[in-house]
PDB file of N, CA and C in Angstrom:
ATOM      1  N   MET A   1      11.438  32.019 234.038  1.00  0.00           N
ATOM      2  CA  MET A   1      10.183  32.497 233.483  1.00  0.00           C
ATOM      3  C   MET A   1       9.132  31.650 233.814  1.00  0.00           C
ATOM      4  N   ALA A   2       9.547  30.214 233.966  1.00  0.00           N
ATOM      5  CA  ALA A   2       8.395  29.191 234.282  1.00  0.00           C
ATOM      6  C   ALA A   2       7.981  29.558 235.783  1.00  0.00           C
ATOM      7  N   ALA A   3       8.793  30.066 236.461  1.00  0.00           N
ATOM      8  CA  ALA A   3       8.304  30.422 238.017  1.00  0.00           C
ATOM      9  C   ALA A   3       7.320  31.563 237.837  1.00  0.00           C
ATOM     10  N   ASN A   4       7.581  32.431 237.051  1.00  0.00           N
ATOM     11  CA  ASN A   4       6.524  33.663 236.797  1.00  0.00           C
ATOM     12  C   ASN A   4       5.313  33.134 236.438  1.00  0.00           C
ATOM     13  N   SER A   5       5.208  32.280 235.434  1.00  0.00           N
ATOM     14  CA  SER A   5       3.751  31.854 234.974  1.00  0.00           C
ATOM     15  C   SER A   5       3.299  30.945 236.015  1.00  0.00           C
ATOM     16  N   LYS A   6       4.129  30.094 236.727  1.00  0.00           N
ATOM     17  CA  LYS A   6       3.556  29.406 237.802  1.00  0.00           C
ATOM     18  C   LYS A   6       2.990  30.279 238.922  1.00  0.00           C
ATOM     19  N   ALA A   7       3.775  31.333 239.164  1.00  0.00           N
ATOM     20  CA  ALA A   7       3.214  32.352 240.272  1.00  0.00           C
ATOM     21  C   ALA A   7       1.895  33.038 239.729  1.00  0.00           C
ATOM     22  N   ALA A   8       1.793  33.183 238.419  1.00  0.00           N
ATOM     23  CA  ALA A   8       0.639  34.082 238.111  1.00  0.00           C
ATOM     24  C   ALA A   8      -0.502  32.947 237.949  1.00  0.00           C
ATOM     25  N   GLY A   9      -0.272  31.767 237.841  1.00  0.00           N
ATOM     26  CA  GLY A   9      -1.417  30.887 237.640  1.00  0.00           C
ATOM     27  C   GLY A   9      -1.785  30.491 239.277  1.00  0.00           C
ATOM     28  N   ASP A  10      -1.038  30.563 240.009  1.00  0.00           N
ATOM     29  CA  ASP A  10      -1.277  30.362 241.557  1.00  0.00           C
ATOM     30  C   ASP A  10      -2.105  31.591 242.034  1.00  0.00           C
ATOM     31  N   ALA A  11      -1.882  32.743 241.535  1.00  0.00           N
ATOM     32  CA  ALA A  11      -2.640  33.949 242.039  1.00  0.00           C
ATOM     33  C   ALA A  11      -3.951  33.689 241.630  1.00  0.00           C
ATOM     34  N   ASN A  12      -4.278  33.290 240.389  1.00  0.00           N
ATOM     35  CA  ASN A  12      -5.852  33.136 239.971  1.00  0.00           C
ATOM     36  C   ASN A  12      -6.282  31.677 240.754  1.00  0.00           C
ATOM     37  N   GLY A  13      -5.584  31.045 241.360  1.00  0.00           N
ATOM     38  CA  GLY A  13      -5.892  29.669 241.939  1.00  0.00           C
ATOM     39  C   GLY A  13      -6.024  28.638 240.872  1.00  0.00           C
ATOM     40  N   MET A  14      -5.313  28.768 239.588  1.00  0.00           N
ATOM     41  CA  MET A  14      -5.371  27.825 238.547  1.00  0.00           C
ATOM     42  C   MET A  14      -3.906  27.658 238.083  1.00  0.00           C
ATOM     43  N   SER A  15      -3.612  26.427 237.842  1.00  0.00           N
ATOM     44  CA  SER A  15      -2.103  26.362 237.188  1.00  0.00           C
ATOM     45  C   SER A  15      -2.384  26.665 235.745  1.00  0.00           C
ATOM     46  N   ASP A  16      -1.286  26.801 235.034  1.00  0.00           N
ATOM     47  CA  ASP A  16      -1.343  26.861 233.475  1.00  0.00           C
ATOM     48  C   ASP A  16      -1.834  25.683 233.005  1.00  0.00           C
ATOM     49  N   GLU A  17      -1.539  24.363 233.408  1.00  0.00           N
ATOM     50  CA  GLU A  17      -2.176  23.139 232.949  1.00  0.00           C
ATOM     51  C   GLU A  17      -3.702  23.283 233.114  1.00  0.00           C
ATOM     52  N   GLU A  18      -4.035  23.540 234.365  1.00  0.00           N
ATOM     53  CA  GLU A  18      -5.429  23.604 234.591  1.00  0.00           C
ATOM     54  C   GLU A  18      -6.256  24.442 233.750  1.00  0.00           C
ATOM     55  N   ARG A  19      -5.795  25.762 233.407  1.00  0.00           N
ATOM     56  CA  ARG A  19      -6.060  26.654 232.476  1.00  0.00           C
ATOM     57  C   ARG A  19      -6.253  26.172 231.121  1.00  0.00           C
ATOM     58  N   ARG A  20      -5.245  25.621 230.649  1.00  0.00           N
ATOM     59  CA  ARG A  20      -5.290  24.854 229.475  1.00  0.00           C
ATOM     60  C   ARG A  20      -6.270  23.847 229.297  1.00  0.00           C
ATOM     61  N   ILE A  21      -6.597  23.022 230.187  1.00  0.00           N
ATOM     62  CA  ILE A  21      -7.631  21.942 230.337  1.00  0.00           C
ATOM     63  C   ILE A  21      -9.037  22.770 230.405  1.00  0.00           C
ATOM     64  N   ARG A  22      -9.057  23.591 231.054  1.00  0.00           N
ATOM     65  CA  ARG A  22     -10.327  24.235 231.130  1.00  0.00           C
ATOM     66  C   ARG A  22     -10.728  25.055 229.712  1.00  0.00           C
ATOM     67  N   ASP A  23      -9.589  25.538 229.033  1.00  0.00           N
ATOM     68  CA  ASP A  23      -9.884  26.100 227.888  1.00  0.00           C
ATOM     69  C   ASP A  23     -10.220  25.234 226.724  1.00  0.00           C
ATOM     70  N   PHE A  24      -9.513  23.936 226.751  1.00  0.00           N
ATOM     71  CA  PHE A  24      -9.807  23.054 225.875  1.00  0.00           C
ATOM     72  C   PHE A  24     -11.118  22.453 226.126  1.00  0.00           C
ATOM     73  N   ALA A  25     -11.729  22.178 227.381  1.00  0.00           N
ATOM     74  CA  ALA A  25     -12.784  21.825 227.766  1.00  0.00           C
ATOM     75  C   ALA A  25     -13.943  22.764 227.254  1.00  0.00           C
ATOM     76  N   LEU A  26     -13.860  24.036 227.254  1.00  0.00           N
ATOM     77  CA  LEU A  26     -14.601  25.134 226.767  1.00  0.00           C
ATOM     78  C   LEU A  26     -14.839  25.075 225.229  1.00  0.00           C
ATOM     79  N   ARG A  27     -13.622  24.850 224.536  1.00  0.00           N
ATOM     80  CA  ARG A  27     -13.610  24.690 223.098  1.00  0.00           C
ATOM     81  C   ARG A  27     -14.527  23.522 222.648  1.00  0.00           C
ATOM     82  N   ALA A  28     -14.179  22.386 223.408  1.00  0.00           N
ATOM     83  CA  ALA A  28     -14.966  21.220 222.951  1.00  0.00           C
ATOM     84  C   ALA A  28     -16.389  21.318 223.303  1.00  0.00           C
ATOM     85  N   GLU A  29     -16.790  22.129 224.381  1.00  0.00           N
ATOM     86  CA  GLU A  29     -18.138  22.302 224.553  1.00  0.00           C
ATOM     87  C   GLU A  29     -18.856  23.036 223.407  1.00  0.00           C
ATOM     88  N   ALA A  30     -18.210  24.124 223.039  1.00  0.00           N
ATOM     89  CA  ALA A  30     -18.555  25.057 221.893  1.00  0.00           C
ATOM     90  C   ALA A  30     -18.930  24.261 220.670  1.00  0.00           C
ATOM     91  N   ALA A  31     -17.782  23.304 220.364  1.00  0.00           N
ATOM     92  CA  ALA A  31     -18.024  22.416 219.174  1.00  0.00           C
ATOM     93  C   ALA A  31     -19.091  21.527 219.219  1.00  0.00           C
ATOM     94  N   VAL A  32     -19.203  20.875 220.376  1.00  0.00           N
ATOM     95  CA  VAL A  32     -20.418  20.076 220.668  1.00  0.00           C
ATOM     96  C   VAL A  32     -21.744  20.901 220.296  1.00  0.00           C
ATOM     97  N   ARG A  33     -21.740  21.869 220.952  1.00  0.00           N
ATOM     98  CA  ARG A  33     -23.160  22.641 220.899  1.00  0.00           C
ATOM     99  C   ARG A  33     -23.312  23.090 219.484  1.00  0.00           C
ATOM    100  N   GLU A  34     -22.200  23.450 218.723  1.00  0.00           N
ATOM    101  CA  GLU A  34     -22.380  23.670 217.261  1.00  0.00           C
ATOM    102  C   GLU A  34     -22.922  22.553 216.583  1.00  0.00           C
ATOM    103  N   ARG A  35     -22.354  21.364 216.714  1.00  0.00           N
ATOM    104  CA  ARG A  35     -22.627  20.285 215.962  1.00  0.00           C
ATOM    105  C   ARG A  35     -24.287  19.826 216.394  1.00  0.00           C
ATOM    106  N   ALA A  36     -24.572  20.027 217.767  1.00  0.00           N
ATOM    107  CA  ALA A  36     -26.077  19.732 218.228  1.00  0.00           C
ATOM    108  C   ALA A  36     -26.833  20.840 217.374  1.00  0.00           C
ATOM    109  N   GLY A  37     -26.452  21.784 217.180  1.00  0.00           N
ATOM    110  CA  GLY A  37     -27.647  22.766 216.648  1.00  0.00           C
ATOM    111  C   GLY A  37     -27.471  22.429 214.910  1.00  0.00           C
ATOM    112  N   GLU A  38     -26.583  21.877 214.461  1.00  0.00           N
ATOM    113  CA  GLU A  38     -26.680  21.574 213.050  1.00  0.00           C
ATOM    114  C   GLU A  38     -27.623  20.202 212.987  1.00  0.00           C
ATOM    115  N   PHE A  39     -27.321  19.420 213.727  1.00  0.00           N
ATOM    116  CA  PHE A  39     -28.240  18.113 213.861  1.00  0.00           C
ATOM    117  C   PHE A  39     -29.685  18.463 214.107  1.00  0.00           C
ATOM    118  N   ARG A  40     -29.946  19.471 214.957  1.00  0.00           N
ATOM    119  CA  ARG A  40     -31.278  19.904 215.408  1.00  0.00           C
ATOM    120  C   ARG A  40     -31.865  20.470 214.010  1.00  0.00           C
ATOM    121  N   ASP A  41     -31.165  21.349 213.376  1.00  0.00           N
ATOM    122  CA  ASP A  41     -31.615  21.920 212.001  1.00  0.00           C
ATOM    123  C   ASP A  41     -31.962  20.840 211.109  1.00  0.00           C
ATOM    124  N   ARG A  42     -31.063  19.909 210.837  1.00  0.00           N
ATOM    125  CA  ARG A  42     -31.218  19.063 209.880  1.00  0.00           C
ATOM    126  C   ARG A  42     -32.408  18.005 210.258  1.00  0.00           C
ATOM    127  N   ALA A  43     -32.760  17.804 211.386  1.00  0.00           N
ATOM    128  CA  ALA A  43     -33.672  16.865 211.992  1.00  0.00           C
ATOM    129  C   ALA A  43     -35.132  17.793 211.707  1.00  0.00           C
ATOM    130  N   ARG A  44     -35.046  19.114 212.017  1.00  0.00           N
ATOM    131  CA  ARG A  44     -36.167  19.930 211.770  1.00  0.00           C
ATOM    132  C   ARG A  44     -36.666  19.857 210.276  1.00  0.00           C
ATOM    133  N   GLU A  45     -35.709  19.882 209.458  1.00  0.00           N
ATOM    134  CA  GLU A  45     -35.845  19.784 208.028  1.00  0.00           C
ATOM    135  C   GLU A  45     -36.514  18.407 207.562  1.00  0.00           C
ATOM    136  N   TYR A  46     -35.995  17.366 208.212  1.00  0.00           N
ATOM    137  CA  TYR A  46     -36.653  16.120 207.730  1.00  0.00           C
ATOM    138  C   TYR A  46     -37.914  15.890 208.216  1.00  0.00           C
ATOM    139  N   TYR A  47     -38.082  16.433 209.490  1.00  0.00           N
ATOM    140  CA  TYR A  47     -39.547  16.420 210.079  1.00  0.00           C
ATOM    141  C   TYR A  47     -40.464  17.063 209.149  1.00  0.00           C
ATOM    142  N   ASP A  48     -39.982  18.376 208.783  1.00  0.00           N
ATOM    143  CA  ASP A  48     -40.940  19.215 207.914  1.00  0.00           C
ATOM    144  C   ASP A  48     -41.343  18.497 206.780  1.00  0.00           C
ATOM    145  N   GLU A  49     -40.236  18.113 205.960  1.00  0.00           N
ATOM    146  CA  GLU A  49     -40.277  17.180 204.838  1.00  0.00           C
ATOM    147  C   GLU A  49     -41.277  15.930 204.941  1.00  0.00           C
ATOM    148  N   ALA A  50     -41.083  15.300 205.952  1.00  0.00           N
ATOM    149  CA  ALA A  50     -42.030  14.184 206.314  1.00  0.00           C
ATOM    150  C   ALA A  50     -43.432  14.394 206.491  1.00  0.00           C
ATOM    151  N   THR A  51     -43.692  15.484 207.388  1.00  0.00           N
ATOM    152  CA  THR A  51     -44.980  16.198 207.448  1.00  0.00           C
ATOM    153  C   THR A  51     -45.642  16.500 206.146  1.00  0.00           C
ATOM    154  N   ASP A  52     -45.018  17.143 205.290  1.00  0.00           N
ATOM    155  CA  ASP A  52     -45.478  17.530 204.104  1.00  0.00           C
ATOM    156  C   ASP A  52     -45.909  16.315 203.282  1.00  0.00           C
ATOM    157  N   GLN A  53     -44.964  15.362 203.251  1.00  0.00           N
ATOM    158  CA  GLN A  53     -45.496  14.060 202.591  1.00  0.00           C
ATOM    159  C   GLN A  53     -46.384  13.351 203.042  1.00  0.00           C
ATOM    160  N   LEU A  54     -46.441  13.376 204.383  1.00  0.00           N
ATOM    161  CA  LEU A  54     -47.852  12.478 204.904  1.00  0.00           C
ATOM    162  C   LEU A  54     -48.966  13.320 204.695  1.00  0.00           C
ATOM    163  N   GLU A  55     -49.065  14.540 204.683  1.00  0.00           N
ATOM    164  CA  GLU A  55     -50.194  15.395 204.442  1.00  0.00           C
ATOM    165  C   GLU A  55     -50.645  15.208 202.897  1.00  0.00           C
ATOM    166  N   THR A  56     -49.776  15.105 201.877  1.00  0.00           N
ATOM    167  CA  THR A  56     -49.984  14.926 200.598  1.00  0.00           C
ATOM    168  C   THR A  56     -50.682  13.505 200.475  1.00  0.00           C
ATOM    169  N   ALA A  57     -49.988  12.297 200.988  1.00  0.00           N
ATOM    170  CA  ALA A  57     -50.617  11.140 201.061  1.00  0.00           C
ATOM    171  C   ALA A  57     -51.926  11.200 201.761  1.00  0.00           C
ATOM    172  N   GLN A  58     -52.095  11.802 202.796  1.00  0.00           N
ATOM    173  CA  GLN A  58     -53.632  11.838 203.411  1.00  0.00           C
ATOM    174  C   GLN A  58     -54.561  12.428 202.533  1.00  0.00           C
ATOM    175  N   ARG A  59     -54.094  13.391 201.662  1.00  0.00           N
ATOM    176  CA  ARG A  59     -55.008  14.148 200.743  1.00  0.00           C
ATOM    177  C   ARG A  59     -55.307  13.171 199.616  1.00  0.00           C
ATOM    178  N   TYR A  60     -54.196  12.508 199.130  1.00  0.00           N
ATOM    179  CA  TYR A  60     -54.557  11.359 197.875  1.00  0.00           C
ATOM    180  C   TYR A  60     -55.575  10.187 198.336  1.00  0.00           C
ATOM    181  N   VAL A  61     -55.313   9.821 199.565  1.00  0.00           N
ATOM    182  CA  VAL A  61     -56.211   8.779 200.035  1.00  0.00           C
ATOM    183  C   VAL A  61     -57.636   9.406 200.486  1.00  0.00           C
ATOM    184  N   THR A  62     -57.815  10.511 200.918  1.00  0.00           N
ATOM    185  CA  THR A  62     -59.161  11.034 201.125  1.00  0.00           C
ATOM    186  C   THR A  62     -59.729  11.305 199.787  1.00  0.00           C
ATOM    187  N   GLU A  63     -59.240  11.770 198.930  1.00  0.00           N
ATOM    188  CA  GLU A  63     -59.780  11.855 197.438  1.00  0.00           C
ATOM    189  C   GLU A  63     -60.305  10.468 197.008  1.00  0.00           C
ATOM    190  N   ARG A  64     -59.251   9.557 196.845  1.00  0.00           N
ATOM    191  CA  ARG A  64     -59.669   8.149 196.398  1.00  0.00           C
ATOM    192  C   ARG A  64     -60.927   7.683 197.167  1.00  0.00           C
ATOM    193  N   VAL A  65     -61.054   7.825 198.267  1.00  0.00           N
ATOM    194  CA  VAL A  65     -62.205   7.261 199.124  1.00  0.00           C
ATOM    195  C   VAL A  65     -63.449   7.992 198.876  1.00  0.00           C
ATOM    196  N   GLN A  66     -63.346   9.250 198.658  1.00  0.00           N
ATOM    197  CA  GLN A  66     -64.465  10.065 198.188  1.00  0.00           C
ATOM    198  C   GLN A  66     -64.825   9.655 196.863  1.00  0.00           C
ATOM    199  N   GLU A  67     -63.871   9.490 195.921  1.00  0.00           N
ATOM    200  CA  GLU A  67     -64.320   9.158 194.494  1.00  0.00           C
ATOM    201  C   GLU A  67     -64.873   7.671 194.366  1.00  0.00           C
ATOM    202  N   LYS A  68     -64.333   6.748 195.220  1.00  0.00           N
ATOM    203  CA  LYS A  68     -65.105   5.353 195.116  1.00  0.00           C
ATOM    204  C   LYS A  68     -65.242   4.814 196.472  1.00  0.00           C
ATOM    205  N   PRO A  69     -66.182   5.247 197.108  1.00  0.00           N
ATOM    206  CA  PRO A  69     -66.431   4.847 198.484  1.00  0.00           C
ATOM    207  C   PRO A  69     -66.705   3.279 198.827  1.00  0.00           C
ATOM    208  N   LEU A  70     -67.447   2.722 197.958  1.00  0.00           N
ATOM    209  CA  LEU A  70     -67.704   1.512 198.032  1.00  0.00           C
ATOM    210  C   LEU A  70     -66.351   0.614 197.942  1.00  0.00           C
ATOM    211  N   VAL A  71     -65.669   0.794 196.892  1.00  0.00           N
ATOM    212  CA  VAL A  71     -64.369  -0.004 196.703  1.00  0.00           C
ATOM    213  C   VAL A  71     -63.357   0.293 197.933  1.00  0.00           C
ATOM    214  N   SER A  72     -63.331   1.606 198.178  1.00  0.00           N
ATOM    215  CA  SER A  72     -62.552   1.737 199.488  1.00  0.00           C
ATOM    216  C   SER A  72     -63.106   1.136 200.664  1.00  0.00           C
ATOM    217  N   THR A  73     -64.262   0.833 200.929  1.00  0.00           N
ATOM    218  CA  THR A  73     -64.910   0.228 202.031  1.00  0.00           C
ATOM    219  C   THR A  73     -64.398  -1.354 201.969  1.00  0.00           C
ATOM    220  N   LEU A  74     -64.795  -1.908 200.871  1.00  0.00           N
ATOM    221  CA  LEU A  74     -64.474  -3.323 200.489  1.00  0.00           C
ATOM    222  C   LEU A  74     -63.085  -3.534 200.704  1.00  0.00           C
ATOM    223  N   THR A  75     -62.321  -2.815 200.249  1.00  0.00           N
ATOM    224  CA  THR A  75     -60.779  -2.870 200.435  1.00  0.00           C
ATOM    225  C   THR A  75     -60.415  -2.795 201.839  1.00  0.00           C
ATOM    226  N   ALA A  76     -60.818  -2.111 202.519  1.00  0.00           N
ATOM    227  CA  ALA A  76     -60.526  -1.888 204.009  1.00  0.00           C
ATOM    228  C   ALA A  76     -60.999  -3.386 204.751  1.00  0.00           C
ATOM    229  N   VAL A  77     -62.015  -3.758 204.326  1.00  0.00           N
ATOM    230  CA  VAL A  77     -62.680  -4.978 205.022  1.00  0.00           C
ATOM    231  C   VAL A  77     -61.907  -6.132 204.733  1.00  0.00           C
ATOM    232  N   GLY A  78     -61.402  -6.106 203.398  1.00  0.00           N
ATOM    233  CA  GLY A  78     -60.551  -7.456 203.045  1.00  0.00           C
ATOM    234  C   GLY A  78     -59.281  -7.366 203.751  1.00  0.00           C
ATOM    235  N   ILE A  79     -58.570  -6.079 203.953  1.00  0.00           N
ATOM    236  CA  ILE A  79     -57.382  -5.911 204.504  1.00  0.00           C
ATOM    237  C   ILE A  79     -57.633  -6.433 205.981  1.00  0.00           C
ATOM    238  N   GLY A  80     -58.692  -5.882 206.414  1.00  0.00           N
ATOM    239  CA  GLY A  80     -58.741  -6.428 208.094  1.00  0.00           C
ATOM    240  C   GLY A  80     -59.103  -7.837 208.175  1.00  0.00           C
ATOM    241  N   VAL A  81     -59.545  -8.437 207.257  1.00  0.00           N
ATOM    242  CA  VAL A  81     -60.006  -9.823 207.149  1.00  0.00           C
ATOM    243  C   VAL A  81     -58.604 -10.568 207.244  1.00  0.00           C
ATOM    244  N   VAL A  82     -57.756 -10.277 206.302  1.00  0.00           N
ATOM    245  CA  VAL A  82     -56.358 -10.774 206.113  1.00  0.00           C
ATOM    246  C   VAL A  82     -55.588 -10.663 207.352  1.00  0.00           C
ATOM    247  N   ILE A  83     -55.596  -9.498 208.035  1.00  0.00           N
ATOM    248  CA  ILE A  83     -54.750  -9.271 209.205  1.00  0.00           C
ATOM    249  C   ILE A  83     -55.195 -10.081 210.371  1.00  0.00           C
ATOM    250  N   GLY A  84     -56.607 -10.052 210.460  1.00  0.00           N
ATOM    251  CA  GLY A  84     -57.234 -11.031 211.455  1.00  0.00           C
ATOM    252  C   GLY A  84     -56.846 -12.376 211.221  1.00  0.00           C
ATOM    253  N   MET A  85     -56.974 -12.853 210.066  1.00  0.00           N
ATOM    254  CA  MET A  85     -56.437 -14.268 209.904  1.00  0.00           C
ATOM    255  C   MET A  85     -54.989 -14.516 210.112  1.00  0.00           C
ATOM    256  N   LEU A  86     -54.196 -13.629 209.816  1.00  0.00           N
ATOM    257  CA  LEU A  86     -52.610 -13.779 210.046  1.00  0.00           C
ATOM    258  C   LEU A  86     -52.458 -13.691 211.742  1.00  0.00           C
ATOM    259  N   LEU A  87     -53.266 -13.099 212.098  1.00  0.00           N
ATOM    260  CA  LEU A  87     -52.841 -12.918 213.858  1.00  0.00           C
ATOM    261  C   LEU A  87     -53.665 -13.952 214.446  1.00  0.00           C
ATOM    262  N   ALA A  88     -54.813 -14.526 214.010  1.00  0.00           N
ATOM    263  CA  ALA A  88     -55.351 -15.569 214.679  1.00  0.00           C
ATOM    264  C   ALA A  88     -54.726 -16.863 214.075  1.00  0.00           C
ATOM    265  N   GLY A  89     -53.990 -16.999 213.151  1.00  0.00           N
ATOM    266  CA  GLY A  89     -53.236 -18.003 212.791  1.00  0.00           C
ATOM    267  C   GLY A  89     -52.407 -18.872 213.857  1.00  0.00           C
ATOM    268  N   GLY A  90     -51.659 -18.024 214.650  1.00  0.00           N
ATOM    269  CA  GLY A  90     -50.884 -18.770 215.642  1.00  0.00           C
ATOM    270  C   GLY A  90     -51.785 -19.009 216.722  1.00  0.00           C
ATOM    271  N   ARG A  91     -52.827 -18.862 216.867  1.00  0.00           N
ATOM    272  CA  ARG A  91     -53.701 -19.423 218.237  1.00  0.00           C
ATOM    273  C   ARG A  91     -54.444 -20.713 217.811  1.00  0.00           C
ATOM    274  N   ARG A  92     -54.426 -21.078 216.594  1.00  0.00           N
ATOM    275  CA  ARG A  92     -55.134 -22.290 216.256  1.00  0.00           C
ATOM    276  C   ARG A  92     -54.480 -23.529 216.715  1.00  0.00           C
TER     277      ARG A  92
END
């Protein structure tokens, strides 16, 4: 019987072992593609959530700047001065 299966395998140009390896590789590829799709979907959800949160934060900051433009400007200048001093501190 093993000779018959070997002969059948030879007729297709593939042995039983080669066919099993090919089938295993196809199943592994399908599993990897499925998991990649799940990761892609999850990444898309995270991206959408992060985009929504960023838009909310941007609206909040814009509203605060419009409510108090002078305080916002002075705060931005102060932060810029502090960052400038920190960056220049290593050059002295």
